[in-house]
Protein backbone atom coordinates (compact mmCIF):
# COMPACT_ATOMS: atom_id res chain seq x y z
CA MET A 1 -23.89 26.27 -40.89
CA VAL A 2 -20.36 27.43 -41.71
CA GLU A 3 -17.69 26.54 -39.17
CA ASP A 4 -14.96 29.04 -38.29
CA GLU A 5 -11.92 26.80 -37.82
CA ALA A 6 -9.56 29.75 -37.20
CA VAL A 7 -11.01 30.27 -33.72
CA ILE A 8 -10.66 26.63 -32.56
CA GLY A 9 -7.77 26.36 -30.10
CA CYS A 10 -7.80 30.07 -29.25
CA THR A 11 -8.21 31.28 -25.69
CA GLY A 12 -10.29 34.20 -24.57
CA GLU A 13 -12.05 35.87 -21.67
CA LEU A 14 -15.75 35.68 -20.92
CA LEU A 15 -17.43 39.07 -21.15
CA ILE A 16 -20.75 37.51 -20.13
CA GLY A 17 -20.79 34.30 -18.08
CA THR A 18 -22.20 31.12 -19.58
CA ARG A 19 -25.20 29.32 -18.08
CA GLY A 20 -24.39 25.79 -19.16
CA SER A 21 -27.24 24.20 -21.10
CA ALA A 22 -29.52 27.12 -20.09
CA GLY A 23 -27.80 29.56 -22.44
CA PRO A 24 -24.63 31.06 -23.84
CA GLY A 25 -22.33 33.77 -22.64
CA GLU A 26 -20.05 35.97 -24.70
CA ILE A 27 -16.31 35.59 -25.26
CA LEU A 28 -13.65 37.99 -26.54
CA VAL A 29 -11.04 36.09 -28.59
CA ARG A 30 -7.82 37.29 -30.21
CA VAL A 31 -7.96 35.84 -33.71
CA ARG A 32 -6.97 36.90 -37.24
CA GLY A 33 -4.77 39.75 -35.97
CA GLY A 34 -7.54 41.38 -33.94
CA SER A 35 -10.19 40.70 -31.33
CA GLU A 36 -13.66 39.32 -32.05
CA THR A 37 -16.65 38.38 -29.92
CA PHE A 38 -18.59 35.13 -30.16
CA LEU A 39 -21.50 33.54 -28.34
CA ALA A 40 -19.93 30.97 -26.02
CA TRP A 41 -21.56 27.71 -24.96
CA SER A 42 -20.23 25.46 -22.18
CA ARG A 43 -21.43 22.31 -20.42
CA GLU A 44 -21.31 23.93 -16.98
CA PRO A 45 -21.87 27.58 -16.04
CA LEU A 46 -18.71 29.72 -16.16
CA PRO A 47 -18.35 33.19 -14.57
CA ILE A 48 -17.59 36.55 -16.13
CA GLY A 49 -13.83 36.99 -16.52
CA ALA A 50 -13.06 33.26 -16.76
CA THR A 51 -10.33 32.30 -19.21
CA VAL A 52 -11.66 29.71 -21.65
CA LEU A 53 -10.41 27.59 -24.56
CA VAL A 54 -12.46 27.36 -27.76
CA ILE A 55 -12.96 23.65 -28.51
CA GLU A 56 -15.51 23.81 -31.32
CA SER A 57 -17.12 26.15 -33.81
CA ARG A 58 -20.89 26.03 -33.95
CA GLY A 59 -21.13 28.37 -36.94
CA CYS A 60 -22.71 31.84 -37.10
CA ARG A 61 -20.23 33.28 -34.56
CA GLU A 62 -21.01 30.65 -31.91
CA VAL A 63 -18.38 28.48 -30.21
CA GLY A 64 -18.10 25.76 -27.59
CA VAL A 65 -15.69 26.50 -24.73
CA ILE A 66 -14.14 24.93 -21.63
CA ARG A 67 -12.43 26.57 -18.65
CA TRP A 68 -8.71 27.01 -19.34
CA THR A 69 -5.69 27.32 -17.09
CA ASP A 70 -2.42 27.79 -18.95
CA PRO A 71 -0.13 24.88 -17.95
CA LEU A 72 2.90 27.15 -18.35
CA ASP A 73 1.67 29.30 -15.46
CA ALA A 74 2.56 26.40 -13.13
CA LEU A 75 6.20 26.67 -14.27
CA ASP A 76 6.57 30.22 -12.93
CA GLY A 77 7.11 28.98 -9.39
CA ASP A 78 9.51 26.22 -10.51
CA ALA A 79 11.67 28.61 -12.54
CA VAL A 80 12.34 30.77 -9.47
CA GLY A 81 13.76 27.86 -7.47
CA ALA A 82 15.69 26.33 -10.38
CA GLY A 83 18.54 28.86 -10.41
């Protein structure tokens, strides 16, 4: 099994929701100057359209993911009141 380290740490959007241990979904990731799809596994089910972070490569175009919320999005509200 060959790991794809370039995809680890990338974020993407679920095209097909994951089912936790019952089965993978599918993720679209921007990597290597383009967009690629991978089978996406997660511990808990995640819905279509969820933003996820790739935390591991499982080889053969399969990755492990977790739900992701960009921490910089929380700063948007603070920046408005700062000026």
